[in-house]
Amino acid sequence: DRPGSLAQMCKLFSTAGASVKDIYHERAWLKSDMFSVQIQVVLEVRDSEHADEVTKIISENYEDVKFYQGQI
Protein backbone atom coordinates (compact mmCIF):
# COMPACT_ATOMS: atom_id res chain seq x y z
CA ASP A 1 0.00 0.00 0.00
CA ARG A 2 1.48 3.32 -1.12
CA PRO A 3 0.13 6.86 -1.29
CA GLY A 4 -1.77 7.27 -4.54
CA SER A 5 -2.20 3.54 -5.18
CA LEU A 6 -5.98 3.65 -4.92
CA ALA A 7 -6.15 6.67 -7.25
CA GLN A 8 -3.85 4.90 -9.72
CA MET A 9 -6.07 1.81 -9.64
CA CYS A 10 -9.22 3.90 -10.23
CA LYS A 11 -7.53 5.67 -13.14
CA LEU A 12 -6.77 2.25 -14.67
CA PHE A 13 -10.46 1.31 -14.38
CA SER A 14 -11.52 4.63 -15.90
CA THR A 15 -9.08 4.31 -18.79
CA ALA A 16 -10.51 0.83 -19.45
CA GLY A 17 -14.01 2.32 -19.61
CA ALA A 18 -15.27 0.64 -16.43
CA SER A 19 -17.40 2.52 -13.92
CA VAL A 20 -16.53 2.06 -10.22
CA LYS A 21 -19.70 1.36 -8.23
CA ASP A 22 -18.17 0.41 -4.87
CA ILE A 23 -14.76 0.00 -3.22
CA TYR A 24 -14.07 -1.72 0.08
CA HIS A 25 -10.56 -2.06 1.42
CA GLU A 26 -9.39 -4.07 4.43
CA ARG A 27 -6.03 -3.54 6.01
CA ALA A 28 -6.53 -4.34 9.69
CA TRP A 29 -6.88 -8.13 9.52
CA LEU A 30 -4.36 -9.12 6.87
CA LYS A 31 -1.87 -11.46 8.54
CA SER A 32 0.27 -12.27 5.52
CA ASP A 33 1.80 -8.85 4.91
CA MET A 34 1.46 -5.73 7.02
CA PHE A 35 2.23 -3.56 3.98
CA SER A 36 -0.59 -5.00 1.87
CA VAL A 37 -4.24 -4.14 1.60
CA GLN A 38 -7.11 -6.26 0.34
CA ILE A 39 -9.49 -4.38 -1.93
CA GLN A 40 -12.88 -5.44 -3.23
CA VAL A 41 -14.18 -3.43 -6.16
CA VAL A 42 -17.52 -3.52 -7.93
CA LEU A 43 -17.22 -2.34 -11.53
CA GLU A 44 -19.90 -1.75 -14.11
CA VAL A 45 -18.99 -2.69 -17.68
CA ARG A 46 -20.90 -2.57 -20.96
CA ASP A 47 -21.16 -6.28 -21.71
CA SER A 48 -19.34 -9.61 -21.30
CA GLU A 49 -16.78 -8.73 -23.98
CA HIS A 50 -15.92 -5.50 -22.15
CA ALA A 51 -15.73 -7.48 -18.88
CA ASP A 52 -13.15 -9.77 -20.49
CA GLU A 53 -11.11 -6.75 -21.64
CA VAL A 54 -11.20 -5.15 -18.18
CA THR A 55 -10.30 -8.47 -16.54
CA LYS A 56 -7.27 -8.78 -18.81
CA ILE A 57 -6.10 -5.23 -18.08
CA ILE A 58 -6.44 -5.74 -14.32
CA SER A 59 -4.61 -9.08 -14.44
CA GLU A 60 -1.74 -7.49 -16.36
CA ASN A 61 -1.33 -4.79 -13.70
CA TYR A 62 -1.94 -6.65 -10.42
CA GLU A 63 -0.54 -9.95 -9.18
CA ASP A 64 -3.05 -11.46 -6.74
CA VAL A 65 -6.50 -10.92 -8.24
CA LYS A 66 -9.75 -12.86 -7.95
CA PHE A 67 -12.73 -12.12 -10.17
CA TYR A 68 -16.45 -12.66 -9.89
CA GLN A 69 -18.49 -11.88 -12.96
CA GLY A 70 -22.20 -11.73 -12.59
CA GLN A 71 -25.13 -9.45 -12.41
CA ILE A 72 -25.82 -7.74 -9.14
PDB file of N, CA and C in Angstrom:
ATOM      1  N   ASP A   1       0.847  -1.182   0.000  1.00  0.00           N
ATOM      2  CA  ASP A   1       0.000   0.000   0.000  1.00  0.00           C
ATOM      3  C   ASP A   1       0.884   1.234   0.000  1.00  0.00           C
ATOM      4  N   ARG A   2       0.698   2.080  -0.989  1.00  0.00           N
ATOM      5  CA  ARG A   2       1.480   3.316  -1.116  1.00  0.00           C
ATOM      6  C   ARG A   2       0.537   4.484  -1.358  1.00  0.00           C
ATOM      7  N   PRO A   3       0.956   5.695  -0.984  1.00  0.00           N
ATOM      8  CA  PRO A   3       0.126   6.857  -1.288  1.00  0.00           C
ATOM      9  C   PRO A   3      -0.150   6.944  -2.795  1.00  0.00           C
ATOM     10  N   GLY A   4      -1.391   7.153  -3.135  1.00  0.00           N
ATOM     11  CA  GLY A   4      -1.768   7.275  -4.540  1.00  0.00           C
ATOM     12  C   GLY A   4      -2.120   5.967  -5.223  1.00  0.00           C
ATOM     13  N   SER A   5      -1.931   4.834  -4.550  1.00  0.00           N
ATOM     14  CA  SER A   5      -2.205   3.535  -5.180  1.00  0.00           C
ATOM     15  C   SER A   5      -3.671   3.368  -5.548  1.00  0.00           C
ATOM     16  N   LEU A   6      -4.555   3.780  -4.650  1.00  0.00           N
ATOM     17  CA  LEU A   6      -5.984   3.653  -4.925  1.00  0.00           C
ATOM     18  C   LEU A   6      -6.392   4.545  -6.100  1.00  0.00           C
ATOM     19  N   ALA A   7      -5.861   5.757  -6.137  1.00  0.00           N
ATOM     20  CA  ALA A   7      -6.147   6.667  -7.254  1.00  0.00           C
ATOM     21  C   ALA A   7      -5.625   6.096  -8.570  1.00  0.00           C
ATOM     22  N   GLN A   8      -4.437   5.497  -8.520  1.00  0.00           N
ATOM     23  CA  GLN A   8      -3.850   4.895  -9.724  1.00  0.00           C
ATOM     24  C   GLN A   8      -4.720   3.740 -10.216  1.00  0.00           C
ATOM     25  N   MET A   9      -5.215   2.930  -9.279  1.00  0.00           N
ATOM     26  CA  MET A   9      -6.072   1.811  -9.643  1.00  0.00           C
ATOM     27  C   MET A   9      -7.375   2.319 -10.274  1.00  0.00           C
ATOM     28  N   CYS A  10      -7.974   3.342  -9.688  1.00  0.00           N
ATOM     29  CA  CYS A  10      -9.216   3.901 -10.230  1.00  0.00           C
ATOM     30  C   CYS A  10      -9.003   4.508 -11.611  1.00  0.00           C
ATOM     31  N   LYS A  11      -7.853   5.116 -11.823  1.00  0.00           N
ATOM     32  CA  LYS A  11      -7.533   5.668 -13.144  1.00  0.00           C
ATOM     33  C   LYS A  11      -7.432   4.548 -14.178  1.00  0.00           C
ATOM     34  N   LEU A  12      -6.857   3.407 -13.783  1.00  0.00           N
ATOM     35  CA  LEU A  12      -6.770   2.250 -14.670  1.00  0.00           C
ATOM     36  C   LEU A  12      -8.173   1.789 -15.067  1.00  0.00           C
ATOM     37  N   PHE A  13      -9.081   1.708 -14.086  1.00  0.00           N
ATOM     38  CA  PHE A  13     -10.460   1.309 -14.381  1.00  0.00           C
ATOM     39  C   PHE A  13     -11.124   2.301 -15.332  1.00  0.00           C
ATOM     40  N   SER A  14     -10.927   3.582 -15.072  1.00  0.00           N
ATOM     41  CA  SER A  14     -11.522   4.631 -15.898  1.00  0.00           C
ATOM     42  C   SER A  14     -10.999   4.573 -17.326  1.00  0.00           C
ATOM     43  N   THR A  15      -9.696   4.407 -17.466  1.00  0.00           N
ATOM     44  CA  THR A  15      -9.082   4.306 -18.791  1.00  0.00           C
ATOM     45  C   THR A  15      -9.628   3.107 -19.559  1.00  0.00           C
ATOM     46  N   ALA A  16      -9.956   2.038 -18.825  1.00  0.00           N
ATOM     47  CA  ALA A  16     -10.508   0.832 -19.448  1.00  0.00           C
ATOM     48  C   ALA A  16     -11.995   0.982 -19.759  1.00  0.00           C
ATOM     49  N   GLY A  17     -12.599   2.089 -19.321  1.00  0.00           N
ATOM     50  CA  GLY A  17     -14.008   2.324 -19.605  1.00  0.00           C
ATOM     51  C   GLY A  17     -14.957   1.693 -18.612  1.00  0.00           C
ATOM     52  N   ALA A  18     -14.438   1.249 -17.466  1.00  0.00           N
ATOM     53  CA  ALA A  18     -15.274   0.645 -16.431  1.00  0.00           C
ATOM     54  C   ALA A  18     -15.688   1.710 -15.420  1.00  0.00           C
ATOM     55  N   SER A  19     -16.883   1.572 -14.905  1.00  0.00           N
ATOM     56  CA  SER A  19     -17.401   2.516 -13.920  1.00  0.00           C
ATOM     57  C   SER A  19     -17.317   1.884 -12.530  1.00  0.00           C
ATOM     58  N   VAL A  20     -16.667   2.565 -11.593  1.00  0.00           N
ATOM     59  CA  VAL A  20     -16.530   2.058 -10.223  1.00  0.00           C
ATOM     60  C   VAL A  20     -17.840   2.313  -9.484  1.00  0.00           C
ATOM     61  N   LYS A  21     -18.448   1.251  -8.978  1.00  0.00           N
ATOM     62  CA  LYS A  21     -19.701   1.360  -8.233  1.00  0.00           C
ATOM     63  C   LYS A  21     -19.484   1.265  -6.729  1.00  0.00           C
ATOM     64  N   ASP A  22     -18.447   0.538  -6.300  1.00  0.00           N
ATOM     65  CA  ASP A  22     -18.172   0.406  -4.870  1.00  0.00           C
ATOM     66  C   ASP A  22     -16.737  -0.050  -4.672  1.00  0.00           C
ATOM     67  N   ILE A  23     -16.111   0.431  -3.604  1.00  0.00           N
ATOM     68  CA  ILE A  23     -14.762   0.003  -3.221  1.00  0.00           C
ATOM     69  C   ILE A  23     -14.763  -0.241  -1.722  1.00  0.00           C
ATOM     70  N   TYR A  24     -14.229  -1.388  -1.331  1.00  0.00           N
ATOM     71  CA  TYR A  24     -14.073  -1.723   0.082  1.00  0.00           C
ATOM     72  C   TYR A  24     -12.642  -2.190   0.273  1.00  0.00           C
ATOM     73  N   HIS A  25     -11.918  -1.578   1.187  1.00  0.00           N
ATOM     74  CA  HIS A  25     -10.558  -2.055   1.422  1.00  0.00           C
ATOM     75  C   HIS A  25     -10.372  -2.428   2.882  1.00  0.00           C
ATOM     76  N   GLU A  26      -9.626  -3.503   3.102  1.00  0.00           N
ATOM     77  CA  GLU A  26      -9.389  -4.066   4.427  1.00  0.00           C
ATOM     78  C   GLU A  26      -7.898  -4.163   4.659  1.00  0.00           C
ATOM     79  N   ARG A  27      -7.447  -3.513   5.678  1.00  0.00           N
ATOM     80  CA  ARG A  27      -6.033  -3.537   6.011  1.00  0.00           C
ATOM     81  C   ARG A  27      -5.804  -4.166   7.384  1.00  0.00           C
ATOM     82  N   ALA A  28      -6.728  -4.001   8.279  1.00  0.00           N
ATOM     83  CA  ALA A  28      -6.531  -4.344   9.688  1.00  0.00           C
ATOM     84  C   ALA A  28      -6.309  -5.831   9.949  1.00  0.00           C
ATOM     85  N   TRP A  29      -6.923  -6.707   9.183  1.00  0.00           N
ATOM     86  CA  TRP A  29      -6.880  -8.126   9.524  1.00  0.00           C
ATOM     87  C   TRP A  29      -6.014  -8.970   8.596  1.00  0.00           C
ATOM     88  N   LEU A  30      -5.250  -8.356   7.740  1.00  0.00           N
ATOM     89  CA  LEU A  30      -4.358  -9.123   6.873  1.00  0.00           C
ATOM     90  C   LEU A  30      -3.153  -9.594   7.681  1.00  0.00           C
ATOM     91  N   LYS A  31      -2.971 -10.894   7.753  1.00  0.00           N
ATOM     92  CA  LYS A  31      -1.873 -11.458   8.537  1.00  0.00           C
ATOM     93  C   LYS A  31      -0.644 -11.741   7.682  1.00  0.00           C
ATOM     94  N   SER A  32      -0.831 -11.856   6.379  1.00  0.00           N
ATOM     95  CA  SER A  32       0.272 -12.274   5.517  1.00  0.00           C
ATOM     96  C   SER A  32       1.307 -11.177   5.284  1.00  0.00           C
ATOM     97  N   ASP A  33       0.876  -9.931   5.228  1.00  0.00           N
ATOM     98  CA  ASP A  33       1.805  -8.847   4.912  1.00  0.00           C
ATOM     99  C   ASP A  33       1.250  -7.535   5.450  1.00  0.00           C
ATOM    100  N   MET A  34       1.957  -6.954   6.405  1.00  0.00           N
ATOM    101  CA  MET A  34       1.455  -5.727   7.023  1.00  0.00           C
ATOM    102  C   MET A  34       1.490  -4.525   6.074  1.00  0.00           C
ATOM    103  N   PHE A  35       2.156  -4.652   4.946  1.00  0.00           N
ATOM    104  CA  PHE A  35       2.229  -3.560   3.979  1.00  0.00           C
ATOM    105  C   PHE A  35       1.251  -3.741   2.817  1.00  0.00           C
ATOM    106  N   SER A  36       0.379  -4.727   2.931  1.00  0.00           N
ATOM    107  CA  SER A  36      -0.592  -5.002   1.874  1.00  0.00           C
ATOM    108  C   SER A  36      -1.985  -4.582   2.310  1.00  0.00           C
ATOM    109  N   VAL A  37      -2.832  -4.443   1.338  1.00  0.00           N
ATOM    110  CA  VAL A  37      -4.236  -4.140   1.596  1.00  0.00           C
ATOM    111  C   VAL A  37      -5.076  -4.999   0.655  1.00  0.00           C
ATOM    112  N   GLN A  38      -6.190  -5.484   1.164  1.00  0.00           N
ATOM    113  CA  GLN A  38      -7.113  -6.259   0.341  1.00  0.00           C
ATOM    114  C   GLN A  38      -8.228  -5.317  -0.098  1.00  0.00           C
ATOM    115  N   ILE A  39      -8.490  -5.295  -1.389  1.00  0.00           N
ATOM    116  CA  ILE A  39      -9.494  -4.377  -1.931  1.00  0.00           C
ATOM    117  C   ILE A  39     -10.526  -5.171  -2.722  1.00  0.00           C
ATOM    118  N   GLN A  40     -11.786  -4.885  -2.442  1.00  0.00           N
ATOM    119  CA  GLN A  40     -12.878  -5.445  -3.227  1.00  0.00           C
ATOM    120  C   GLN A  40     -13.504  -4.291  -4.002  1.00  0.00           C
ATOM    121  N   VAL A  41     -13.664  -4.495  -5.295  1.00  0.00           N
ATOM    122  CA  VAL A  41     -14.179  -3.434  -6.156  1.00  0.00           C
ATOM    123  C   VAL A  41     -15.343  -3.973  -6.978  1.00  0.00           C
ATOM    124  N   VAL A  42     -16.398  -3.197  -7.049  1.00  0.00           N
ATOM    125  CA  VAL A  42     -17.522  -3.515  -7.928  1.00  0.00           C
ATOM    126  C   VAL A  42     -17.441  -2.556  -9.110  1.00  0.00           C
ATOM    127  N   LEU A  43     -17.307  -3.137 -10.304  1.00  0.00           N
ATOM    128  CA  LEU A  43     -17.215  -2.344 -11.531  1.00  0.00           C
ATOM    129  C   LEU A  43     -18.423  -2.612 -12.414  1.00  0.00           C
ATOM    130  N   GLU A  44     -18.861  -1.583 -13.107  1.00  0.00           N
ATOM    131  CA  GLU A  44     -19.901  -1.750 -14.110  1.00  0.00           C
ATOM    132  C   GLU A  44     -19.238  -1.663 -15.480  1.00  0.00           C
ATOM    133  N   VAL A  45     -19.528  -2.655 -16.323  1.00  0.00           N
ATOM    134  CA  VAL A  45     -18.988  -2.692 -17.682  1.00  0.00           C
ATOM    135  C   VAL A  45     -20.152  -2.798 -18.668  1.00  0.00           C
ATOM    136  N   ARG A  46     -19.850  -2.601 -19.943  1.00  0.00           N
ATOM    137  CA  ARG A  46     -20.901  -2.566 -20.962  1.00  0.00           C
ATOM    138  C   ARG A  46     -21.529  -3.933 -21.226  1.00  0.00           C
ATOM    139  N   ASP A  47     -20.686  -4.947 -21.361  1.00  0.00           N
ATOM    140  CA  ASP A  47     -21.161  -6.279 -21.714  1.00  0.00           C
ATOM    141  C   ASP A  47     -20.078  -7.295 -21.361  1.00  0.00           C
ATOM    142  N   SER A  48     -20.300  -8.561 -21.680  1.00  0.00           N
ATOM    143  CA  SER A  48     -19.343  -9.609 -21.305  1.00  0.00           C
ATOM    144  C   SER A  48     -18.005  -9.452 -22.024  1.00  0.00           C
ATOM    145  N   GLU A  49     -18.033  -8.956 -23.248  1.00  0.00           N
ATOM    146  CA  GLU A  49     -16.778  -8.728 -23.977  1.00  0.00           C
ATOM    147  C   GLU A  49     -15.947  -7.638 -23.285  1.00  0.00           C
ATOM    148  N   HIS A  50     -16.609  -6.578 -22.871  1.00  0.00           N
ATOM    149  CA  HIS A  50     -15.924  -5.504 -22.149  1.00  0.00           C
ATOM    150  C   HIS A  50     -15.405  -6.022 -20.806  1.00  0.00           C
ATOM    151  N   ALA A  51     -16.180  -6.880 -20.148  1.00  0.00           N
ATOM    152  CA  ALA A  51     -15.732  -7.482 -18.884  1.00  0.00           C
ATOM    153  C   ALA A  51     -14.447  -8.273 -19.090  1.00  0.00           C
ATOM    154  N   ASP A  52     -14.369  -9.011 -20.186  1.00  0.00           N
ATOM    155  CA  ASP A  52     -13.151  -9.768 -20.492  1.00  0.00           C
ATOM    156  C   ASP A  52     -11.959  -8.840 -20.709  1.00  0.00           C
ATOM    157  N   GLU A  53     -12.186  -7.724 -21.404  1.00  0.00           N
ATOM    158  CA  GLU A  53     -11.110  -6.751 -21.643  1.00  0.00           C
ATOM    159  C   GLU A  53     -10.618  -6.144 -20.331  1.00  0.00           C
ATOM    160  N   VAL A  54     -11.559  -5.758 -19.472  1.00  0.00           N
ATOM    161  CA  VAL A  54     -11.204  -5.154 -18.182  1.00  0.00           C
ATOM    162  C   VAL A  54     -10.480  -6.171 -17.305  1.00  0.00           C
ATOM    163  N   THR A  55     -10.952  -7.407 -17.306  1.00  0.00           N
ATOM    164  CA  THR A  55     -10.303  -8.475 -16.539  1.00  0.00           C
ATOM    165  C   THR A  55      -8.858  -8.652 -16.979  1.00  0.00           C
ATOM    166  N   LYS A  56      -8.624  -8.635 -18.279  1.00  0.00           N
ATOM    167  CA  LYS A  56      -7.266  -8.785 -18.812  1.00  0.00           C
ATOM    168  C   LYS A  56      -6.374  -7.627 -18.371  1.00  0.00           C
ATOM    169  N   ILE A  57      -6.883  -6.411 -18.467  1.00  0.00           N
ATOM    170  CA  ILE A  57      -6.103  -5.230 -18.076  1.00  0.00           C
ATOM    171  C   ILE A  57      -5.743  -5.283 -16.594  1.00  0.00           C
ATOM    172  N   ILE A  58      -6.702  -5.651 -15.760  1.00  0.00           N
ATOM    173  CA  ILE A  58      -6.442  -5.738 -14.318  1.00  0.00           C
ATOM    174  C   ILE A  58      -5.408  -6.817 -14.031  1.00  0.00           C
ATOM    175  N   SER A  59      -5.553  -7.972 -14.655  1.00  0.00           N
ATOM    176  CA  SER A  59      -4.610  -9.082 -14.440  1.00  0.00           C
ATOM    177  C   SER A  59      -3.195  -8.729 -14.869  1.00  0.00           C
ATOM    178  N   GLU A  60      -3.067  -7.906 -15.894  1.00  0.00           N
ATOM    179  CA  GLU A  60      -1.743  -7.490 -16.365  1.00  0.00           C
ATOM    180  C   GLU A  60      -1.072  -6.500 -15.410  1.00  0.00           C
ATOM    181  N   ASN A  61      -1.866  -5.836 -14.574  1.00  0.00           N
ATOM    182  CA  ASN A  61      -1.329  -4.791 -13.703  1.00  0.00           C
ATOM    183  C   ASN A  61      -1.243  -5.174 -12.227  1.00  0.00           C
ATOM    184  N   TYR A  62      -1.932  -6.234 -11.831  1.00  0.00           N
ATOM    185  CA  TYR A  62      -1.943  -6.648 -10.421  1.00  0.00           C
ATOM    186  C   TYR A  62      -1.717  -8.148 -10.324  1.00  0.00           C
ATOM    187  N   GLU A  63      -0.954  -8.552  -9.305  1.00  0.00           N
ATOM    188  CA  GLU A  63      -0.537  -9.950  -9.177  1.00  0.00           C
ATOM    189  C   GLU A  63      -1.614 -10.870  -8.608  1.00  0.00           C
ATOM    190  N   ASP A  64      -2.134 -10.560  -7.445  1.00  0.00           N
ATOM    191  CA  ASP A  64      -3.047 -11.460  -6.739  1.00  0.00           C
ATOM    192  C   ASP A  64      -4.475 -10.950  -6.886  1.00  0.00           C
ATOM    193  N   VAL A  65      -5.167 -11.423  -7.920  1.00  0.00           N
ATOM    194  CA  VAL A  65      -6.499 -10.916  -8.235  1.00  0.00           C
ATOM    195  C   VAL A  65      -7.476 -12.078  -8.352  1.00  0.00           C
ATOM    196  N   LYS A  66      -8.666 -11.883  -7.802  1.00  0.00           N
ATOM    197  CA  LYS A  66      -9.748 -12.859  -7.947  1.00  0.00           C
ATOM    198  C   LYS A  66     -10.932 -12.119  -8.554  1.00  0.00           C
ATOM    199  N   PHE A  67     -11.624 -12.766  -9.475  1.00  0.00           N
ATOM    200  CA  PHE A  67     -12.732 -12.124 -10.171  1.00  0.00           C
ATOM    201  C   PHE A  67     -14.030 -12.867  -9.928  1.00  0.00           C
ATOM    202  N   TYR A  68     -15.098 -12.117  -9.874  1.00  0.00           N
ATOM    203  CA  TYR A  68     -16.448 -12.660  -9.894  1.00  0.00           C
ATOM    204  C   TYR A  68     -17.198 -11.876 -10.954  1.00  0.00           C
ATOM    205  N   GLN A  69     -17.711 -12.565 -11.929  1.00  0.00           N
ATOM    206  CA  GLN A  69     -18.489 -11.882 -12.963  1.00  0.00           C
ATOM    207  C   GLN A  69     -19.923 -12.346 -12.858  1.00  0.00           C
ATOM    208  N   GLY A  70     -20.783 -11.415 -12.677  1.00  0.00           N
ATOM    209  CA  GLY A  70     -22.196 -11.731 -12.588  1.00  0.00           C
ATOM    210  C   GLY A  70     -22.990 -10.458 -12.480  1.00  0.00           C
ATOM    211  N   GLN A  71     -24.277 -10.613 -12.546  1.00  0.00           N
ATOM    212  CA  GLN A  71     -25.133  -9.447 -12.405  1.00  0.00           C
ATOM    213  C   GLN A  71     -25.494  -9.276 -10.947  1.00  0.00           C
ATOM    214  N   ILE A  72     -25.505  -8.039 -10.540  1.00  0.00           N
ATOM    215  CA  ILE A  72     -25.817  -7.742  -9.139  1.00  0.00           C
ATOM    216  C   ILE A  72     -27.233  -7.229  -9.052  1.00  0.00           C
TER     217      ILE A  72
END
